Structures are given as C-alpha cells and as structure tokens.
C-alpha cells in the first residue's frame, strides 16, 4: 500500500480531449474546473451568509 498505489486514479497514457471553438482551444479537464469555479462563484453570490438570520433577530 505504498504511494504508487494511488499515483494515478485514471490512466494517463492517452491524449486529452480538447474542445475547439473557432480560435479557442481548451482541454476537457480545464473546462470542467472552470465550470465548477463558476458554479461556486454563483452559489456564493446567491446563497445567504450563515448567521444572517440570527443577527437580524438580535437587532
């Protein structure tokens, strides 16, 4: 159970998949990371801060 057991959870001996839009070329892995970052950003804007209701009740 050494570190080589978990070295690669997916096979890394094949080329990555790329999306092509006119002059934009991005790998699938990077597109997924950017999408998750956008979802997190939108969630941070829309979800209320924890403790906001308690502060309103104490006022």
PDB file of N, CA and C in Angstrom:
ATOM      1  N   UNK A   1       0.831  -1.187   0.000  1.00  0.00           N
ATOM      2  CA  UNK A   1       0.000   0.000   0.000  1.00  0.00           C
ATOM      3  C   UNK A   1       0.878   1.254   0.000  1.00  0.00           C
ATOM      4  N   UNK A   2       1.809   1.314  -0.897  1.00  0.00           N
ATOM      5  CA  UNK A   2       2.694   2.466  -0.980  1.00  0.00           C
ATOM      6  C   UNK A   2       2.065   3.587  -1.782  1.00  0.00           C
ATOM      7  N   UNK A   3       2.802   4.662  -1.965  1.00  0.00           N
ATOM      8  CA  UNK A   3       2.267   5.811  -2.709  1.00  0.00           C
ATOM      9  C   UNK A   3       2.029   5.508  -4.177  1.00  0.00           C
ATOM     10  N   UNK A   4       2.646   4.464  -4.722  1.00  0.00           N
ATOM     11  CA  UNK A   4       2.423   4.138  -6.129  1.00  0.00           C
ATOM     12  C   UNK A   4       1.032   3.570  -6.367  1.00  0.00           C
ATOM     13  N   UNK A   5       0.380   3.092  -5.327  1.00  0.00           N
ATOM     14  CA  UNK A   5      -0.959   2.547  -5.477  1.00  0.00           C
ATOM     15  C   UNK A   5      -1.947   3.637  -5.893  1.00  0.00           C
ATOM     16  N   UNK A   6      -1.785   4.834  -5.358  1.00  0.00           N
ATOM     17  CA  UNK A   6      -2.701   5.934  -5.645  1.00  0.00           C
ATOM     18  C   UNK A   6      -2.074   6.985  -6.561  1.00  0.00           C
ATOM     19  N   UNK A   7      -1.016   6.641  -7.239  1.00  0.00           N
ATOM     20  CA  UNK A   7      -0.309   7.617  -8.065  1.00  0.00           C
ATOM     21  C   UNK A   7      -1.201   8.156  -9.178  1.00  0.00           C
ATOM     22  N   UNK A   8      -1.960   7.323  -9.848  1.00  0.00           N
ATOM     23  CA  UNK A   8      -2.847   7.771 -10.918  1.00  0.00           C
ATOM     24  C   UNK A   8      -4.156   7.000 -10.822  1.00  0.00           C
ATOM     25  N   UNK A   9      -5.224   7.713 -10.527  1.00  0.00           N
ATOM     26  CA  UNK A   9      -6.526   7.061 -10.424  1.00  0.00           C
ATOM     27  C   UNK A   9      -7.154   6.836 -11.793  1.00  0.00           C
ATOM     28  N   UNK A  10      -6.706   7.568 -12.791  1.00  0.00           N
ATOM     29  CA  UNK A  10      -7.150   7.372 -14.163  1.00  0.00           C
ATOM     30  C   UNK A  10      -5.927   7.100 -15.017  1.00  0.00           C
ATOM     31  N   UNK A  11      -6.082   6.351 -16.090  1.00  0.00           N
ATOM     32  CA  UNK A  11      -4.915   6.091 -16.945  1.00  0.00           C
ATOM     33  C   UNK A  11      -4.435   7.377 -17.620  1.00  0.00           C
ATOM     34  N   UNK A  12      -3.147   7.606 -17.583  1.00  0.00           N
ATOM     35  CA  UNK A  12      -2.585   8.841 -18.125  1.00  0.00           C
ATOM     36  C   UNK A  12      -1.814   8.620 -19.420  1.00  0.00           C
ATOM     37  N   UNK A  13      -1.993   7.459 -20.058  1.00  0.00           N
ATOM     38  CA  UNK A  13      -1.229   7.166 -21.262  1.00  0.00           C
ATOM     39  C   UNK A  13      -1.996   7.438 -22.554  1.00  0.00           C
ATOM     40  N   UNK A  14      -3.058   8.243 -22.488  1.00  0.00           N
ATOM     41  CA  UNK A  14      -3.798   8.592 -23.693  1.00  0.00           C
ATOM     42  C   UNK A  14      -3.892  10.114 -23.802  1.00  0.00           C
ATOM     43  N   UNK A  15      -4.062  10.643 -25.014  1.00  0.00           N
ATOM     44  CA  UNK A  15      -4.137  12.096 -25.170  1.00  0.00           C
ATOM     45  C   UNK A  15      -5.433  12.653 -24.577  1.00  0.00           C
ATOM     46  N   UNK A  16      -5.355  13.889 -24.141  1.00  0.00           N
ATOM     47  CA  UNK A  16      -6.510  14.555 -23.551  1.00  0.00           C
ATOM     48  C   UNK A  16      -7.507  14.947 -24.640  1.00  0.00           C
ATOM     49  N   UNK A  17      -8.747  15.125 -24.262  1.00  0.00           N
ATOM     50  CA  UNK A  17      -9.782  15.568 -25.189  1.00  0.00           C
ATOM     51  C   UNK A  17      -9.842  17.090 -25.156  1.00  0.00           C
ATOM     52  N   UNK A  18      -9.882  17.731 -26.317  1.00  0.00           N
ATOM     53  CA  UNK A  18      -9.922  19.178 -26.416  1.00  0.00           C
ATOM     54  C   UNK A  18     -11.197  19.641 -27.089  1.00  0.00           C
ATOM     55  N   UNK A  19     -11.753  20.759 -26.599  1.00  0.00           N
ATOM     56  CA  UNK A  19     -12.877  21.427 -27.233  1.00  0.00           C
ATOM     57  C   UNK A  19     -12.324  22.525 -28.133  1.00  0.00           C
ATOM     58  N   UNK A  20     -12.885  22.647 -29.338  1.00  0.00           N
ATOM     59  CA  UNK A  20     -12.448  23.670 -30.279  1.00  0.00           C
ATOM     60  C   UNK A  20     -13.637  24.558 -30.628  1.00  0.00           C
ATOM     61  N   UNK A  21     -13.504  25.858 -30.347  1.00  0.00           N
ATOM     62  CA  UNK A  21     -14.477  26.857 -30.769  1.00  0.00           C
ATOM     63  C   UNK A  21     -13.714  27.953 -31.479  1.00  0.00           C
ATOM     64  N   UNK A  22     -13.801  27.998 -32.778  1.00  0.00           N
ATOM     65  CA  UNK A  22     -13.114  28.997 -33.604  1.00  0.00           C
ATOM     66  C   UNK A  22     -11.646  29.107 -33.200  1.00  0.00           C
ATOM     67  N   UNK A  23     -11.280  30.132 -32.442  1.00  0.00           N
ATOM     68  CA  UNK A  23      -9.878  30.317 -32.048  1.00  0.00           C
ATOM     69  C   UNK A  23      -9.607  29.872 -30.617  1.00  0.00           C
ATOM     70  N   UNK A  24     -10.626  29.357 -29.912  1.00  0.00           N
ATOM     71  CA  UNK A  24     -10.460  28.898 -28.527  1.00  0.00           C
ATOM     72  C   UNK A  24     -10.255  27.398 -28.524  1.00  0.00           C
ATOM     73  N   UNK A  25      -9.236  26.954 -27.834  1.00  0.00           N
ATOM     74  CA  UNK A  25      -8.965  25.526 -27.671  1.00  0.00           C
ATOM     75  C   UNK A  25      -8.700  25.281 -26.192  1.00  0.00           C
ATOM     76  N   UNK A  26      -9.523  24.424 -25.568  1.00  0.00           N
ATOM     77  CA  UNK A  26      -9.406  24.175 -24.136  1.00  0.00           C
ATOM     78  C   UNK A  26      -9.603  22.689 -23.880  1.00  0.00           C
ATOM     79  N   UNK A  27      -8.833  22.159 -22.939  1.00  0.00           N
ATOM     80  CA  UNK A  27      -8.960  20.733 -22.632  1.00  0.00           C
ATOM     81  C   UNK A  27     -10.231  20.493 -21.809  1.00  0.00           C
ATOM     82  N   UNK A  28     -10.723  19.290 -21.856  1.00  0.00           N
ATOM     83  CA  UNK A  28     -11.944  18.941 -21.136  1.00  0.00           C
ATOM     84  C   UNK A  28     -11.749  19.108 -19.634  1.00  0.00           C
ATOM     85  N   UNK A  29     -10.592  18.730 -19.115  1.00  0.00           N
ATOM     86  CA  UNK A  29     -10.334  18.858 -17.679  1.00  0.00           C
ATOM     87  C   UNK A  29     -10.365  20.322 -17.252  1.00  0.00           C
ATOM     88  N   UNK A  30      -9.743  21.203 -18.031  1.00  0.00           N
ATOM     89  CA  UNK A  30      -9.755  22.625 -17.694  1.00  0.00           C
ATOM     90  C   UNK A  30     -11.161  23.210 -17.808  1.00  0.00           C
ATOM     91  N   UNK A  31     -11.930  22.773 -18.781  1.00  0.00           N
ATOM     92  CA  UNK A  31     -13.303  23.251 -18.932  1.00  0.00           C
ATOM     93  C   UNK A  31     -14.150  22.845 -17.727  1.00  0.00           C
ATOM     94  N   UNK A  32     -13.950  21.640 -17.221  1.00  0.00           N
ATOM     95  CA  UNK A  32     -14.683  21.181 -16.037  1.00  0.00           C
ATOM     96  C   UNK A  32     -14.303  22.012 -14.819  1.00  0.00           C
ATOM     97  N   UNK A  33     -13.023  22.281 -14.639  1.00  0.00           N
ATOM     98  CA  UNK A  33     -12.570  23.084 -13.494  1.00  0.00           C
ATOM     99  C   UNK A  33     -13.134  24.499 -13.577  1.00  0.00           C
ATOM    100  N   UNK A  34     -13.111  25.106 -14.754  1.00  0.00           N
ATOM    101  CA  UNK A  34     -13.656  26.450 -14.918  1.00  0.00           C
ATOM    102  C   UNK A  34     -15.157  26.456 -14.652  1.00  0.00           C
ATOM    103  N   UNK A  35     -15.861  25.432 -15.124  1.00  0.00           N
ATOM    104  CA  UNK A  35     -17.300  25.327 -14.864  1.00  0.00           C
ATOM    105  C   UNK A  35     -17.607  25.207 -13.377  1.00  0.00           C
ATOM    106  N   UNK A  36     -16.839  24.396 -12.664  1.00  0.00           N
ATOM    107  CA  UNK A  36     -17.046  24.256 -11.220  1.00  0.00           C
ATOM    108  C   UNK A  36     -16.737  25.557 -10.484  1.00  0.00           C
ATOM    109  N   UNK A  37     -15.740  26.284 -10.933  1.00  0.00           N
ATOM    110  CA  UNK A  37     -15.425  27.573 -10.325  1.00  0.00           C
ATOM    111  C   UNK A  37     -16.561  28.570 -10.541  1.00  0.00           C
ATOM    112  N   UNK A  38     -17.155  28.578 -11.730  1.00  0.00           N
ATOM    113  CA  UNK A  38     -18.282  29.471 -11.995  1.00  0.00           C
ATOM    114  C   UNK A  38     -19.501  29.109 -11.154  1.00  0.00           C
ATOM    115  N   UNK A  39     -19.774  27.821 -11.011  1.00  0.00           N
ATOM    116  CA  UNK A  39     -20.898  27.379 -10.178  1.00  0.00           C
ATOM    117  C   UNK A  39     -20.676  27.797  -8.727  1.00  0.00           C
ATOM    118  N   UNK A  40     -19.450  27.641  -8.231  1.00  0.00           N
ATOM    119  CA  UNK A  40     -19.133  28.038  -6.858  1.00  0.00           C
ATOM    120  C   UNK A  40     -19.292  29.549  -6.685  1.00  0.00           C
ATOM    121  N   UNK A  41     -18.846  30.322  -7.652  1.00  0.00           N
ATOM    122  CA  UNK A  41     -18.966  31.776  -7.581  1.00  0.00           C
ATOM    123  C   UNK A  41     -20.427  32.206  -7.547  1.00  0.00           C
ATOM    124  N   UNK A  42     -21.253  31.638  -8.420  1.00  0.00           N
ATOM    125  CA  UNK A  42     -22.669  31.993  -8.457  1.00  0.00           C
ATOM    126  C   UNK A  42     -23.355  31.572  -7.160  1.00  0.00           C
ATOM    127  N   UNK A  43     -23.011  30.405  -6.637  1.00  0.00           N
ATOM    128  CA  UNK A  43     -23.589  29.952  -5.365  1.00  0.00           C
ATOM    129  C   UNK A  43     -23.197  30.895  -4.232  1.00  0.00           C
ATOM    130  N   UNK A  44     -21.951  31.368  -4.231  1.00  0.00           N
ATOM    131  CA  UNK A  44     -21.515  32.294  -3.186  1.00  0.00           C
ATOM    132  C   UNK A  44     -22.270  33.617  -3.273  1.00  0.00           C
ATOM    133  N   UNK A  45     -22.650  34.031  -4.469  1.00  0.00           N
ATOM    134  CA  UNK A  45     -23.412  35.265  -4.607  1.00  0.00           C
ATOM    135  C   UNK A  45     -24.868  35.106  -4.191  1.00  0.00           C
ATOM    136  N   UNK A  46     -25.450  33.947  -4.462  1.00  0.00           N
ATOM    137  CA  UNK A  46     -26.886  33.769  -4.254  1.00  0.00           C
ATOM    138  C   UNK A  46     -27.261  33.202  -2.888  1.00  0.00           C
ATOM    139  N   UNK A  47     -26.410  32.376  -2.301  1.00  0.00           N
ATOM    140  CA  UNK A  47     -26.749  31.770  -1.018  1.00  0.00           C
ATOM    141  C   UNK A  47     -26.543  32.777   0.109  1.00  0.00           C
ATOM    142  N   UNK A  48     -27.437  32.761   1.098  1.00  0.00           N
ATOM    143  CA  UNK A  48     -27.276  33.717   2.198  1.00  0.00           C
ATOM    144  C   UNK A  48     -26.098  33.338   3.097  1.00  0.00           C
ATOM    145  N   UNK A  49     -25.540  34.342   3.757  1.00  0.00           N
ATOM    146  CA  UNK A  49     -24.459  34.099   4.696  1.00  0.00           C
ATOM    147  C   UNK A  49     -25.004  33.362   5.912  1.00  0.00           C
ATOM    148  N   UNK A  50     -24.247  32.399   6.457  1.00  0.00           N
ATOM    149  CA  UNK A  50     -24.702  31.742   7.680  1.00  0.00           C
ATOM    150  C   UNK A  50     -24.692  32.742   8.837  1.00  0.00           C
ATOM    151  N   UNK A  51     -25.709  32.695   9.656  1.00  0.00           N
ATOM    152  CA  UNK A  51     -25.791  33.582  10.802  1.00  0.00           C
ATOM    153  C   UNK A  51     -26.495  34.886  10.517  1.00  0.00           C
ATOM    154  N   UNK A  52     -26.905  35.132   9.290  1.00  0.00           N
ATOM    155  CA  UNK A  52     -27.577  36.389   8.954  1.00  0.00           C
ATOM    156  C   UNK A  52     -28.916  36.502   9.680  1.00  0.00           C
ATOM    157  N   UNK A  53     -29.631  35.397   9.781  1.00  0.00           N
ATOM    158  CA  UNK A  53     -30.942  35.425  10.459  1.00  0.00           C
ATOM    159  C   UNK A  53     -30.779  35.706  11.942  1.00  0.00           C
ATOM    160  N   UNK A  54     -29.747  35.131  12.561  1.00  0.00           N
ATOM    161  CA  UNK A  54     -29.532  35.376  13.996  1.00  0.00           C
ATOM    162  C   UNK A  54     -29.225  36.845  14.254  1.00  0.00           C
ATOM    163  N   UNK A  55     -28.428  37.460  13.401  1.00  0.00           N
ATOM    164  CA  UNK A  55     -28.097  38.879  13.585  1.00  0.00           C
ATOM    165  C   UNK A  55     -29.331  39.750  13.428  1.00  0.00           C
ATOM    166  N   UNK A  56     -30.236  39.400  12.511  1.00  0.00           N
ATOM    167  CA  UNK A  56     -31.444  40.188  12.333  1.00  0.00           C
ATOM    168  C   UNK A  56     -32.370  40.043  13.542  1.00  0.00           C
ATOM    169  N   UNK A  57     -32.429  38.853  14.137  1.00  0.00           N
ATOM    170  CA  UNK A  57     -33.295  38.626  15.289  1.00  0.00           C
ATOM    171  C   UNK A  57     -32.769  39.351  16.521  1.00  0.00           C
ATOM    172  N   UNK A  58     -31.452  39.505  16.652  1.00  0.00           N
ATOM    173  CA  UNK A  58     -30.882  40.168  17.817  1.00  0.00           C
ATOM    174  C   UNK A  58     -31.028  41.676  17.761  1.00  0.00           C
ATOM    175  N   UNK A  59     -31.297  42.232  16.612  1.00  0.00           N
ATOM    176  CA  UNK A  59     -31.403  43.690  16.496  1.00  0.00           C
ATOM    177  C   UNK A  59     -32.731  44.196  16.932  1.00  0.00           C
TER     178      UNK A  59
END
